[in-house]
Amino acid sequence: MSLPDDYPVLLAGLDAWQAQAAEKFPGVIPCKAGCSACCHGPFDISVADALLVRNAVRALPAGIRADVRRRAESQVAAMGRTDPEFVAPWDVTALGEEGFDALVAAFEAQPCPALDDGGACRIYEHRPMICRLMGLGLETPDGHVIENACPIQEEFPEYESLPPQLFDLEDWEDAEADALIQAAEVLFGSGDRSGYETTVAGAILLDAPGAMSP
């Protein structure tokens, strides 16, 4: 029930990309452990990230694990009341783009259930891909740009004005494909579910009875 070995290596590549930018622009990039500005509202994570999160929560001390799961249960229940189609195993792809966008808008102020009361992430070393990608604009070798989506960047003028940083996202996603298949096999017993996506709250609850029903 472990994570594919190559996926943490891929995530480390994103960490290295962020670290290189921080070294290139010392004191400019505010992103660090403890900043939770972008950790609100549900967002979709891959099946590999879901396995990563589930396993990380499993490994927490019992009291902390119970609190994280309680927060996840509360969030998932509220989302399910808003959209009755959001049921275990909380596959956001089943909602369609418009359906999930509506949930994101309705719960945009809700903190991630992995945060503690002070805003610290309790699974920081095992956070999903998107959490590691946030905080910098990204430019691919072919010129495609993903803008910096940090919600508080206007508070840091030098940071806000940074140009997108080069990263071969297409190559990264090609390498990710095998990890998605392997993670789907671990969670669902079939690589055919490699397109499964959920939220952090959904991933936390994948251990719950009946959670893995199709």
N, C-alpha and C. Protein backbone atom coordinates (compact mmCIF):
# COMPACT_ATOMS: atom_id res chain seq x y z
N MET A 1 0.83 -1.20 0.00
CA MET A 1 0.00 0.00 0.00
C MET A 1 0.87 1.26 0.00
N SER A 2 2.10 1.16 -0.51
CA SER A 2 3.01 2.30 -0.46
C SER A 2 2.97 3.08 -1.76
N LEU A 3 3.55 4.27 -1.71
CA LEU A 3 3.60 5.15 -2.86
C LEU A 3 4.65 4.66 -3.84
N PRO A 4 4.40 4.78 -5.15
CA PRO A 4 5.44 4.43 -6.12
C PRO A 4 6.74 5.19 -5.83
N ASP A 5 7.87 4.49 -5.92
CA ASP A 5 9.15 5.09 -5.51
C ASP A 5 9.52 6.32 -6.32
N ASP A 6 9.10 6.36 -7.59
CA ASP A 6 9.53 7.46 -8.43
C ASP A 6 8.75 8.75 -8.19
N TYR A 7 7.58 8.68 -7.54
CA TYR A 7 6.80 9.89 -7.37
C TYR A 7 7.43 10.88 -6.38
N PRO A 8 7.92 10.44 -5.24
CA PRO A 8 8.63 11.39 -4.37
C PRO A 8 9.83 12.05 -5.06
N VAL A 9 10.48 11.32 -5.96
CA VAL A 9 11.59 11.91 -6.72
C VAL A 9 11.08 13.03 -7.62
N LEU A 10 9.93 12.81 -8.25
CA LEU A 10 9.34 13.85 -9.08
C LEU A 10 8.97 15.07 -8.25
N LEU A 11 8.39 14.86 -7.09
CA LEU A 11 8.04 15.97 -6.22
C LEU A 11 9.28 16.72 -5.76
N ALA A 12 10.35 16.00 -5.51
CA ALA A 12 11.61 16.64 -5.12
C ALA A 12 12.12 17.56 -6.23
N GLY A 13 11.81 17.21 -7.48
CA GLY A 13 12.20 18.06 -8.58
C GLY A 13 11.49 19.40 -8.54
N LEU A 14 10.23 19.41 -8.13
CA LEU A 14 9.51 20.66 -7.96
C LEU A 14 10.09 21.47 -6.80
N ASP A 15 10.43 20.79 -5.71
CA ASP A 15 11.06 21.48 -4.58
C ASP A 15 12.37 22.13 -5.00
N ALA A 16 13.14 21.42 -5.82
CA ALA A 16 14.42 21.95 -6.28
C ALA A 16 14.20 23.18 -7.16
N TRP A 17 13.16 23.14 -7.99
CA TRP A 17 12.82 24.29 -8.83
C TRP A 17 12.50 25.52 -7.97
N GLN A 18 11.73 25.32 -6.93
CA GLN A 18 11.42 26.42 -6.01
C GLN A 18 12.68 26.90 -5.30
N ALA A 19 13.51 25.97 -4.88
CA ALA A 19 14.73 26.34 -4.15
C ALA A 19 15.70 27.12 -5.03
N GLN A 20 15.78 26.74 -6.30
CA GLN A 20 16.65 27.46 -7.23
C GLN A 20 16.19 28.90 -7.41
N ALA A 21 14.87 29.09 -7.48
CA ALA A 21 14.34 30.44 -7.61
C ALA A 21 14.61 31.25 -6.35
N ALA A 22 14.46 30.62 -5.19
CA ALA A 22 14.73 31.33 -3.94
C ALA A 22 16.19 31.74 -3.83
N GLU A 23 17.08 30.90 -4.36
CA GLU A 23 18.50 31.23 -4.35
C GLU A 23 18.81 32.34 -5.36
N LYS A 24 18.12 32.32 -6.47
CA LYS A 24 18.33 33.32 -7.52
C LYS A 24 17.81 34.69 -7.10
N PHE A 25 16.72 34.68 -6.31
CA PHE A 25 16.10 35.92 -5.84
C PHE A 25 16.02 35.90 -4.31
N PRO A 26 17.16 36.03 -3.64
CA PRO A 26 17.18 35.89 -2.18
C PRO A 26 16.31 36.93 -1.48
N GLY A 27 15.50 36.43 -0.55
CA GLY A 27 14.65 37.30 0.25
C GLY A 27 13.42 37.82 -0.44
N VAL A 28 13.17 37.40 -1.67
CA VAL A 28 12.05 37.93 -2.45
C VAL A 28 10.82 37.04 -2.36
N ILE A 29 11.02 35.73 -2.39
CA ILE A 29 9.89 34.79 -2.44
C ILE A 29 9.45 34.44 -1.03
N PRO A 30 8.22 34.78 -0.64
CA PRO A 30 7.79 34.55 0.74
C PRO A 30 7.31 33.13 1.03
N CYS A 31 7.13 32.31 0.00
CA CYS A 31 6.59 30.96 0.20
C CYS A 31 7.50 30.12 1.10
N LYS A 32 6.92 29.56 2.14
CA LYS A 32 7.67 28.69 3.05
C LYS A 32 6.69 27.96 3.95
N ALA A 33 7.18 26.98 4.66
CA ALA A 33 6.34 26.26 5.61
C ALA A 33 5.79 27.25 6.62
N GLY A 34 4.49 27.17 6.89
CA GLY A 34 3.85 28.08 7.82
C GLY A 34 2.99 29.12 7.15
N CYS A 35 3.26 29.41 5.86
CA CYS A 35 2.40 30.32 5.11
C CYS A 35 1.26 29.49 4.53
N SER A 36 0.03 29.86 4.84
CA SER A 36 -1.12 29.07 4.40
C SER A 36 -2.08 29.87 3.53
N ALA A 37 -1.60 30.95 2.94
CA ALA A 37 -2.48 31.82 2.15
C ALA A 37 -3.16 31.07 1.01
N CYS A 38 -2.44 30.13 0.39
CA CYS A 38 -3.01 29.39 -0.74
C CYS A 38 -3.63 28.07 -0.32
N CYS A 39 -3.76 27.85 0.96
CA CYS A 39 -4.23 26.56 1.48
C CYS A 39 -5.70 26.61 1.88
N HIS A 40 -6.48 27.34 1.11
CA HIS A 40 -7.92 27.46 1.39
C HIS A 40 -8.71 27.13 0.13
N GLY A 41 -9.87 26.55 0.37
CA GLY A 41 -10.70 26.13 -0.74
C GLY A 41 -10.27 24.77 -1.26
N PRO A 42 -11.22 23.95 -1.70
CA PRO A 42 -10.86 22.64 -2.25
C PRO A 42 -10.16 22.79 -3.59
N PHE A 43 -9.26 21.88 -3.88
CA PHE A 43 -8.59 21.82 -5.18
C PHE A 43 -8.37 20.36 -5.51
N ASP A 44 -8.28 20.09 -6.79
CA ASP A 44 -8.17 18.69 -7.21
C ASP A 44 -6.72 18.22 -7.15
N ILE A 45 -6.54 17.00 -6.69
CA ILE A 45 -5.22 16.38 -6.64
C ILE A 45 -5.29 15.02 -7.33
N SER A 46 -4.16 14.58 -7.85
CA SER A 46 -4.11 13.33 -8.62
C SER A 46 -4.23 12.11 -7.72
N VAL A 47 -4.37 10.96 -8.35
CA VAL A 47 -4.44 9.71 -7.60
C VAL A 47 -3.12 9.45 -6.86
N ALA A 48 -1.99 9.86 -7.44
CA ALA A 48 -0.71 9.69 -6.74
C ALA A 48 -0.65 10.59 -5.51
N ASP A 49 -1.14 11.82 -5.64
CA ASP A 49 -1.18 12.71 -4.49
C ASP A 49 -2.16 12.22 -3.43
N ALA A 50 -3.27 11.64 -3.89
CA ALA A 50 -4.25 11.11 -2.94
C ALA A 50 -3.62 10.01 -2.08
N LEU A 51 -2.86 9.13 -2.72
CA LEU A 51 -2.18 8.07 -1.98
C LEU A 51 -1.13 8.65 -1.04
N LEU A 52 -0.42 9.65 -1.53
CA LEU A 52 0.58 10.34 -0.71
C LEU A 52 -0.05 10.92 0.56
N VAL A 53 -1.17 11.63 0.38
CA VAL A 53 -1.85 12.27 1.51
C VAL A 53 -2.42 11.22 2.46
N ARG A 54 -3.08 10.22 1.90
CA ARG A 54 -3.66 9.18 2.76
C ARG A 54 -2.61 8.53 3.64
N ASN A 55 -1.47 8.18 3.04
CA ASN A 55 -0.41 7.52 3.80
C ASN A 55 0.21 8.46 4.83
N ALA A 56 0.34 9.75 4.49
CA ALA A 56 0.91 10.71 5.42
C ALA A 56 0.03 10.88 6.65
N VAL A 57 -1.28 10.92 6.44
CA VAL A 57 -2.20 11.07 7.57
C VAL A 57 -2.20 9.80 8.41
N ARG A 58 -2.12 8.66 7.77
CA ARG A 58 -2.02 7.40 8.51
C ARG A 58 -0.85 7.41 9.50
N ALA A 59 0.25 8.06 9.12
CA ALA A 59 1.47 8.03 9.91
C ALA A 59 1.51 9.08 11.02
N LEU A 60 0.50 9.96 11.09
CA LEU A 60 0.49 10.98 12.13
C LEU A 60 0.22 10.36 13.50
N PRO A 61 0.68 11.01 14.57
CA PRO A 61 0.30 10.56 15.91
C PRO A 61 -1.22 10.50 16.04
N ALA A 62 -1.70 9.59 16.87
CA ALA A 62 -3.14 9.28 16.92
C ALA A 62 -4.01 10.51 17.13
N GLY A 63 -3.65 11.37 18.06
CA GLY A 63 -4.48 12.53 18.36
C GLY A 63 -4.55 13.50 17.20
N ILE A 64 -3.41 13.74 16.58
CA ILE A 64 -3.37 14.65 15.43
C ILE A 64 -4.11 14.03 14.25
N ARG A 65 -3.89 12.73 14.04
CA ARG A 65 -4.58 12.04 12.96
C ARG A 65 -6.10 12.14 13.12
N ALA A 66 -6.58 11.98 14.33
CA ALA A 66 -8.02 12.06 14.58
C ALA A 66 -8.56 13.46 14.28
N ASP A 67 -7.80 14.48 14.63
CA ASP A 67 -8.24 15.85 14.38
C ASP A 67 -8.27 16.14 12.88
N VAL A 68 -7.24 15.70 12.15
CA VAL A 68 -7.20 15.91 10.70
C VAL A 68 -8.38 15.21 10.05
N ARG A 69 -8.66 14.00 10.45
CA ARG A 69 -9.77 13.25 9.86
C ARG A 69 -11.12 13.88 10.20
N ARG A 70 -11.22 14.41 11.42
CA ARG A 70 -12.47 15.07 11.81
C ARG A 70 -12.72 16.28 10.92
N ARG A 71 -11.68 17.06 10.67
CA ARG A 71 -11.83 18.24 9.81
C ARG A 71 -12.18 17.82 8.37
N ALA A 72 -11.56 16.74 7.91
CA ALA A 72 -11.86 16.26 6.56
C ALA A 72 -13.30 15.77 6.47
N GLU A 73 -13.76 15.05 7.48
CA GLU A 73 -15.13 14.55 7.49
C GLU A 73 -16.13 15.70 7.45
N SER A 74 -15.84 16.76 8.23
CA SER A 74 -16.73 17.91 8.25
C SER A 74 -16.79 18.59 6.88
N GLN A 75 -15.63 18.74 6.25
CA GLN A 75 -15.58 19.40 4.95
C GLN A 75 -16.27 18.58 3.87
N VAL A 76 -15.99 17.29 3.83
CA VAL A 76 -16.60 16.43 2.83
C VAL A 76 -18.12 16.37 3.02
N ALA A 77 -18.58 16.32 4.26
CA ALA A 77 -20.02 16.28 4.52
C ALA A 77 -20.69 17.56 4.04
N ALA A 78 -20.06 18.70 4.30
CA ALA A 78 -20.62 19.98 3.85
C ALA A 78 -20.66 20.07 2.33
N MET A 79 -19.61 19.59 1.69
CA MET A 79 -19.58 19.60 0.22
C MET A 79 -20.63 18.67 -0.34
N GLY A 80 -20.84 17.55 0.32
CA GLY A 80 -21.86 16.60 -0.12
C GLY A 80 -23.27 17.16 0.03
N ARG A 81 -23.49 17.98 1.04
CA ARG A 81 -24.80 18.61 1.17
C ARG A 81 -25.03 19.64 0.06
N THR A 82 -23.95 20.27 -0.39
CA THR A 82 -24.05 21.24 -1.47
C THR A 82 -24.24 20.55 -2.81
N ASP A 83 -23.52 19.45 -3.02
CA ASP A 83 -23.65 18.67 -4.25
C ASP A 83 -23.77 17.20 -3.87
N PRO A 84 -24.98 16.65 -3.88
CA PRO A 84 -25.20 15.25 -3.49
C PRO A 84 -24.43 14.24 -4.34
N GLU A 85 -23.90 14.68 -5.49
CA GLU A 85 -23.11 13.78 -6.33
C GLU A 85 -21.71 13.57 -5.77
N PHE A 86 -21.32 14.40 -4.80
CA PHE A 86 -19.97 14.30 -4.24
C PHE A 86 -19.98 13.24 -3.14
N VAL A 87 -19.77 11.99 -3.54
CA VAL A 87 -19.84 10.86 -2.63
C VAL A 87 -18.56 10.03 -2.76
N ALA A 88 -18.33 9.16 -1.78
CA ALA A 88 -17.15 8.30 -1.79
C ALA A 88 -17.05 7.54 -3.10
N PRO A 89 -15.84 7.46 -3.66
CA PRO A 89 -14.55 7.92 -3.14
C PRO A 89 -14.20 9.36 -3.49
N TRP A 90 -15.23 10.22 -3.64
CA TRP A 90 -15.03 11.65 -3.81
C TRP A 90 -14.18 11.98 -5.04
N ASP A 91 -14.57 11.38 -6.15
CA ASP A 91 -13.89 11.58 -7.43
C ASP A 91 -14.42 12.86 -8.07
N VAL A 92 -13.62 13.91 -8.11
CA VAL A 92 -14.10 15.19 -8.63
C VAL A 92 -14.33 15.13 -10.14
N THR A 93 -13.69 14.19 -10.83
CA THR A 93 -13.92 14.10 -12.27
C THR A 93 -15.35 13.68 -12.58
N ALA A 94 -15.99 12.99 -11.63
CA ALA A 94 -17.37 12.56 -11.83
C ALA A 94 -18.34 13.73 -11.76
N LEU A 95 -17.91 14.85 -11.18
CA LEU A 95 -18.78 16.03 -11.07
C LEU A 95 -18.78 16.86 -12.34
N GLY A 96 -17.77 16.66 -13.18
CA GLY A 96 -17.61 17.53 -14.34
C GLY A 96 -16.96 18.84 -13.92
N GLU A 97 -16.43 19.56 -14.89
CA GLU A 97 -15.72 20.79 -14.58
C GLU A 97 -16.61 21.83 -13.92
N GLU A 98 -17.81 22.01 -14.44
CA GLU A 98 -18.71 23.01 -13.88
C GLU A 98 -19.14 22.64 -12.46
N GLY A 99 -19.41 21.37 -12.25
CA GLY A 99 -19.83 20.92 -10.92
C GLY A 99 -18.76 21.15 -9.88
N PHE A 100 -17.51 20.79 -10.22
CA PHE A 100 -16.45 20.98 -9.25
C PHE A 100 -16.13 22.46 -9.06
N ASP A 101 -16.18 23.23 -10.14
CA ASP A 101 -15.95 24.67 -10.02
C ASP A 101 -16.95 25.31 -9.05
N ALA A 102 -18.18 24.83 -9.08
CA ALA A 102 -19.21 25.36 -8.18
C ALA A 102 -18.86 25.05 -6.73
N LEU A 103 -18.35 23.84 -6.47
CA LEU A 103 -17.93 23.50 -5.11
C LEU A 103 -16.74 24.35 -4.67
N VAL A 104 -15.80 24.55 -5.58
CA VAL A 104 -14.63 25.38 -5.26
C VAL A 104 -15.08 26.78 -4.86
N ALA A 105 -16.01 27.34 -5.62
CA ALA A 105 -16.50 28.69 -5.32
C ALA A 105 -17.23 28.72 -3.98
N ALA A 106 -18.01 27.69 -3.69
CA ALA A 106 -18.81 27.67 -2.46
C ALA A 106 -17.95 27.51 -1.22
N PHE A 107 -16.79 26.86 -1.37
CA PHE A 107 -15.96 26.56 -0.19
C PHE A 107 -14.58 27.20 -0.27
N GLU A 108 -14.46 28.30 -1.02
CA GLU A 108 -13.16 28.91 -1.25
C GLU A 108 -12.49 29.43 0.02
N ALA A 109 -13.26 29.71 1.05
CA ALA A 109 -12.68 30.24 2.29
C ALA A 109 -12.32 29.15 3.30
N GLN A 110 -12.68 27.91 3.01
CA GLN A 110 -12.46 26.83 3.96
C GLN A 110 -10.99 26.41 3.99
N PRO A 111 -10.37 26.35 5.17
CA PRO A 111 -8.97 25.92 5.23
C PRO A 111 -8.83 24.44 4.93
N CYS A 112 -7.69 24.08 4.37
CA CYS A 112 -7.38 22.68 4.13
C CYS A 112 -7.44 21.92 5.45
N PRO A 113 -8.04 20.74 5.48
CA PRO A 113 -8.14 19.99 6.73
C PRO A 113 -6.80 19.52 7.29
N ALA A 114 -5.74 19.61 6.50
CA ALA A 114 -4.42 19.23 7.02
C ALA A 114 -3.78 20.34 7.84
N LEU A 115 -4.37 21.55 7.82
CA LEU A 115 -3.83 22.66 8.61
C LEU A 115 -4.24 22.55 10.07
N ASP A 116 -3.35 23.00 10.96
CA ASP A 116 -3.73 23.11 12.36
C ASP A 116 -4.35 24.49 12.60
N ASP A 117 -4.70 24.79 13.84
CA ASP A 117 -5.36 26.06 14.14
C ASP A 117 -4.48 27.26 13.86
N GLY A 118 -3.16 27.06 13.84
CA GLY A 118 -2.24 28.15 13.56
C GLY A 118 -1.89 28.28 12.09
N GLY A 119 -2.46 27.43 11.25
CA GLY A 119 -2.20 27.49 9.81
C GLY A 119 -1.02 26.68 9.34
N ALA A 120 -0.43 25.86 10.21
CA ALA A 120 0.70 25.03 9.81
C ALA A 120 0.20 23.72 9.21
N CYS A 121 0.82 23.32 8.11
CA CYS A 121 0.45 22.06 7.46
C CYS A 121 1.04 20.89 8.22
N ARG A 122 0.20 19.94 8.59
CA ARG A 122 0.66 18.80 9.39
C ARG A 122 1.17 17.64 8.53
N ILE A 123 1.12 17.81 7.23
CA ILE A 123 1.72 16.81 6.33
C ILE A 123 2.62 17.51 5.31
N TYR A 124 3.28 18.57 5.73
CA TYR A 124 4.01 19.44 4.81
C TYR A 124 5.01 18.69 3.94
N GLU A 125 5.75 17.77 4.51
CA GLU A 125 6.75 17.02 3.74
C GLU A 125 6.10 16.09 2.72
N HIS A 126 4.81 15.87 2.85
CA HIS A 126 4.10 14.96 1.96
C HIS A 126 2.95 15.68 1.26
N ARG A 127 3.08 16.97 1.08
CA ARG A 127 2.01 17.75 0.45
C ARG A 127 1.94 17.44 -1.06
N PRO A 128 0.77 17.64 -1.65
CA PRO A 128 0.58 17.31 -3.07
C PRO A 128 1.39 18.19 -4.03
N MET A 129 1.39 17.77 -5.28
CA MET A 129 2.12 18.45 -6.33
C MET A 129 1.73 19.92 -6.44
N ILE A 130 0.42 20.22 -6.45
CA ILE A 130 -0.02 21.58 -6.67
C ILE A 130 0.47 22.51 -5.55
N CYS A 131 0.59 21.98 -4.35
CA CYS A 131 1.08 22.78 -3.22
C CYS A 131 2.54 23.18 -3.43
N ARG A 132 3.30 22.35 -4.13
CA ARG A 132 4.71 22.62 -4.39
C ARG A 132 4.88 23.53 -5.62
N LEU A 133 3.87 23.55 -6.48
CA LEU A 133 3.93 24.36 -7.69
C LEU A 133 3.52 25.80 -7.43
N MET A 134 2.69 26.01 -6.43
CA MET A 134 2.19 27.35 -6.14
C MET A 134 3.33 28.29 -5.74
N GLY A 135 3.13 29.56 -6.03
CA GLY A 135 4.05 30.57 -5.52
C GLY A 135 5.05 31.11 -6.52
N LEU A 136 5.07 30.57 -7.71
CA LEU A 136 5.93 31.09 -8.76
C LEU A 136 5.19 30.97 -10.09
N GLY A 137 5.39 31.94 -10.96
CA GLY A 137 4.95 31.76 -12.33
C GLY A 137 5.84 30.73 -12.99
N LEU A 138 5.29 29.97 -13.91
CA LEU A 138 6.04 28.89 -14.57
C LEU A 138 5.98 29.09 -16.08
N GLU A 139 7.12 28.90 -16.72
CA GLU A 139 7.18 28.93 -18.18
C GLU A 139 7.81 27.64 -18.67
N THR A 140 7.14 26.99 -19.61
CA THR A 140 7.66 25.75 -20.18
C THR A 140 8.64 26.07 -21.31
N PRO A 141 9.47 25.11 -21.71
CA PRO A 141 10.43 25.36 -22.79
C PRO A 141 9.80 25.82 -24.10
N ASP A 142 8.52 25.45 -24.33
CA ASP A 142 7.87 25.89 -25.57
C ASP A 142 7.13 27.22 -25.41
N GLY A 143 7.31 27.87 -24.26
CA GLY A 143 6.77 29.21 -24.08
C GLY A 143 5.42 29.30 -23.41
N HIS A 144 4.83 28.17 -23.01
CA HIS A 144 3.55 28.20 -22.30
C HIS A 144 3.78 28.72 -20.88
N VAL A 145 2.93 29.66 -20.46
CA VAL A 145 3.10 30.29 -19.15
C VAL A 145 1.91 29.97 -18.25
N ILE A 146 2.22 29.57 -17.02
CA ILE A 146 1.22 29.46 -15.95
C ILE A 146 1.53 30.57 -14.97
N GLU A 147 0.61 31.50 -14.84
CA GLU A 147 0.86 32.67 -13.99
C GLU A 147 0.92 32.29 -12.51
N ASN A 148 1.65 33.09 -11.75
CA ASN A 148 1.70 32.93 -10.30
C ASN A 148 0.30 33.14 -9.74
N ALA A 149 -0.21 32.17 -9.00
CA ALA A 149 -1.57 32.25 -8.46
C ALA A 149 -1.58 32.55 -6.96
N CYS A 150 -0.45 32.97 -6.40
CA CYS A 150 -0.42 33.28 -4.97
C CYS A 150 -1.44 34.37 -4.66
N PRO A 151 -2.33 34.15 -3.68
CA PRO A 151 -3.40 35.12 -3.41
C PRO A 151 -2.93 36.38 -2.67
N ILE A 152 -1.70 36.38 -2.16
CA ILE A 152 -1.22 37.55 -1.42
C ILE A 152 0.01 38.17 -2.06
N GLN A 153 0.27 37.88 -3.32
CA GLN A 153 1.50 38.36 -3.94
C GLN A 153 1.56 39.88 -4.03
N GLU A 154 0.38 40.53 -4.06
CA GLU A 154 0.40 41.99 -4.15
C GLU A 154 0.98 42.63 -2.89
N GLU A 155 1.09 41.87 -1.81
CA GLU A 155 1.69 42.39 -0.59
C GLU A 155 3.22 42.39 -0.66
N PHE A 156 3.77 41.78 -1.71
CA PHE A 156 5.23 41.67 -1.88
C PHE A 156 5.58 42.10 -3.31
N PRO A 157 5.77 43.40 -3.53
CA PRO A 157 5.94 43.92 -4.90
C PRO A 157 7.06 43.25 -5.69
N GLU A 158 8.21 43.01 -5.07
CA GLU A 158 9.30 42.37 -5.81
C GLU A 158 8.92 40.96 -6.23
N TYR A 159 8.26 40.27 -5.35
CA TYR A 159 7.80 38.91 -5.63
C TYR A 159 6.75 38.91 -6.74
N GLU A 160 5.80 39.84 -6.66
CA GLU A 160 4.74 39.91 -7.65
C GLU A 160 5.29 40.17 -9.05
N SER A 161 6.40 40.89 -9.12
CA SER A 161 6.96 41.27 -10.42
C SER A 161 7.95 40.26 -10.99
N LEU A 162 8.19 39.15 -10.27
CA LEU A 162 9.13 38.15 -10.78
C LEU A 162 8.64 37.57 -12.10
N PRO A 163 9.54 37.35 -13.04
CA PRO A 163 9.13 36.70 -14.28
C PRO A 163 8.87 35.21 -14.04
N PRO A 164 8.08 34.57 -14.90
CA PRO A 164 7.88 33.12 -14.77
C PRO A 164 9.21 32.40 -14.86
N GLN A 165 9.33 31.33 -14.08
CA GLN A 165 10.57 30.57 -14.03
C GLN A 165 10.46 29.31 -14.90
N LEU A 166 11.54 29.03 -15.61
CA LEU A 166 11.53 27.91 -16.57
C LEU A 166 11.41 26.57 -15.86
N PHE A 167 10.48 25.75 -16.33
CA PHE A 167 10.31 24.39 -15.81
C PHE A 167 9.68 23.55 -16.90
N ASP A 168 10.22 22.37 -17.14
CA ASP A 168 9.69 21.50 -18.19
C ASP A 168 8.54 20.68 -17.62
N LEU A 169 7.38 21.30 -17.59
CA LEU A 169 6.20 20.67 -17.00
C LEU A 169 5.73 19.48 -17.83
N GLU A 170 5.83 19.58 -19.15
CA GLU A 170 5.40 18.46 -20.00
C GLU A 170 6.25 17.22 -19.73
N ASP A 171 7.54 17.41 -19.59
CA ASP A 171 8.42 16.28 -19.29
C ASP A 171 8.08 15.71 -17.91
N TRP A 172 7.78 16.60 -16.96
CA TRP A 172 7.41 16.17 -15.60
C TRP A 172 6.13 15.33 -15.66
N GLU A 173 5.15 15.79 -16.41
CA GLU A 173 3.87 15.08 -16.49
C GLU A 173 4.02 13.75 -17.22
N ASP A 174 4.91 13.70 -18.20
CA ASP A 174 5.17 12.42 -18.87
C ASP A 174 5.74 11.41 -17.87
N ALA A 175 6.66 11.88 -17.02
CA ALA A 175 7.25 11.00 -16.02
C ALA A 175 6.22 10.62 -14.95
N GLU A 176 5.27 11.49 -14.71
CA GLU A 176 4.24 11.25 -13.69
C GLU A 176 3.28 10.13 -14.10
N ALA A 177 3.12 9.92 -15.39
CA ALA A 177 2.08 9.01 -15.89
C ALA A 177 2.19 7.62 -15.28
N ASP A 178 3.39 7.08 -15.18
CA ASP A 178 3.57 5.74 -14.61
C ASP A 178 3.19 5.73 -13.13
N ALA A 179 3.53 6.80 -12.42
CA ALA A 179 3.20 6.88 -11.01
C ALA A 179 1.69 6.91 -10.80
N LEU A 180 0.96 7.55 -11.70
CA LEU A 180 -0.50 7.59 -11.59
C LEU A 180 -1.09 6.19 -11.74
N ILE A 181 -0.57 5.45 -12.70
CA ILE A 181 -1.07 4.08 -12.92
C ILE A 181 -0.77 3.21 -11.69
N GLN A 182 0.45 3.31 -11.18
CA GLN A 182 0.83 2.51 -10.02
C GLN A 182 0.00 2.88 -8.79
N ALA A 183 -0.23 4.18 -8.59
CA ALA A 183 -1.02 4.61 -7.44
C ALA A 183 -2.46 4.12 -7.56
N ALA A 184 -3.02 4.15 -8.77
CA ALA A 184 -4.38 3.66 -8.99
C ALA A 184 -4.47 2.17 -8.69
N GLU A 185 -3.42 1.44 -9.04
CA GLU A 185 -3.40 0.01 -8.75
C GLU A 185 -3.38 -0.24 -7.24
N VAL A 186 -2.66 0.59 -6.51
CA VAL A 186 -2.61 0.45 -5.06
C VAL A 186 -3.97 0.76 -4.44
N LEU A 187 -4.57 1.87 -4.84
CA LEU A 187 -5.82 2.32 -4.22
C LEU A 187 -7.03 1.54 -4.69
N PHE A 188 -7.09 1.27 -6.00
CA PHE A 188 -8.31 0.70 -6.58
C PHE A 188 -8.13 -0.70 -7.15
N GLY A 189 -6.87 -1.17 -7.18
CA GLY A 189 -6.62 -2.48 -7.76
C GLY A 189 -6.62 -2.48 -9.26
N SER A 190 -6.61 -1.28 -9.87
CA SER A 190 -6.64 -1.19 -11.33
C SER A 190 -5.99 0.10 -11.80
N GLY A 191 -5.06 -0.02 -12.72
CA GLY A 191 -4.44 1.16 -13.32
C GLY A 191 -5.40 1.95 -14.17
N ASP A 192 -6.55 1.37 -14.49
CA ASP A 192 -7.56 2.09 -15.28
C ASP A 192 -8.09 3.31 -14.55
N ARG A 193 -7.90 3.37 -13.23
CA ARG A 193 -8.38 4.52 -12.46
C ARG A 193 -7.30 5.59 -12.31
N SER A 194 -6.34 5.61 -13.21
CA SER A 194 -5.23 6.57 -13.10
C SER A 194 -5.69 8.01 -13.28
N GLY A 195 -6.88 8.22 -13.85
CA GLY A 195 -7.41 9.57 -14.00
C GLY A 195 -8.20 10.06 -12.81
N TYR A 196 -8.30 9.22 -11.77
CA TYR A 196 -9.02 9.61 -10.55
C TYR A 196 -8.39 10.84 -9.93
N GLU A 197 -9.24 11.78 -9.53
CA GLU A 197 -8.79 12.97 -8.80
C GLU A 197 -9.75 13.21 -7.65
N THR A 198 -9.22 13.74 -6.56
CA THR A 198 -10.06 14.05 -5.42
C THR A 198 -9.54 15.33 -4.77
N THR A 199 -10.06 15.64 -3.61
CA THR A 199 -9.57 16.78 -2.83
C THR A 199 -8.70 16.24 -1.70
N VAL A 200 -8.02 17.13 -1.00
CA VAL A 200 -7.22 16.69 0.15
C VAL A 200 -8.13 16.02 1.18
N ALA A 201 -9.29 16.61 1.41
CA ALA A 201 -10.23 16.02 2.38
C ALA A 201 -10.65 14.62 1.94
N GLY A 202 -10.94 14.47 0.66
CA GLY A 202 -11.31 13.15 0.16
C GLY A 202 -10.20 12.15 0.32
N ALA A 203 -8.96 12.57 0.03
CA ALA A 203 -7.82 11.66 0.16
C ALA A 203 -7.62 11.22 1.60
N ILE A 204 -7.81 12.14 2.53
CA ILE A 204 -7.64 11.82 3.95
C ILE A 204 -8.61 10.71 4.37
N LEU A 205 -9.78 10.70 3.77
CA LEU A 205 -10.83 9.76 4.18
C LEU A 205 -10.86 8.47 3.39
N LEU A 206 -9.86 8.23 2.55
CA LEU A 206 -9.87 7.01 1.75
C LEU A 206 -9.75 5.74 2.59
N ASP A 207 -9.40 5.90 3.86
CA ASP A 207 -9.36 4.74 4.77
C ASP A 207 -10.72 4.43 5.37
N ALA A 208 -11.69 5.34 5.22
CA ALA A 208 -12.98 5.15 5.86
C ALA A 208 -13.73 3.96 5.28
N PRO A 209 -14.51 3.26 6.10
CA PRO A 209 -15.28 2.12 5.58
C PRO A 209 -16.15 2.53 4.40
N GLY A 210 -16.07 1.77 3.34
CA GLY A 210 -16.89 2.05 2.16
C GLY A 210 -16.36 3.12 1.26
N ALA A 211 -15.21 3.74 1.63
CA ALA A 211 -14.70 4.86 0.84
C ALA A 211 -14.26 4.44 -0.54
N MET A 212 -13.82 3.22 -0.71
CA MET A 212 -13.27 2.81 -1.98
C MET A 212 -14.31 2.19 -2.91
N SER A 213 -15.57 2.34 -2.56
CA SER A 213 -16.61 1.88 -3.49
C SER A 213 -16.56 2.74 -4.73
N PRO A 214 -16.77 2.16 -5.92
CA PRO A 214 -16.72 2.93 -7.16
C PRO A 214 -17.73 4.06 -7.15
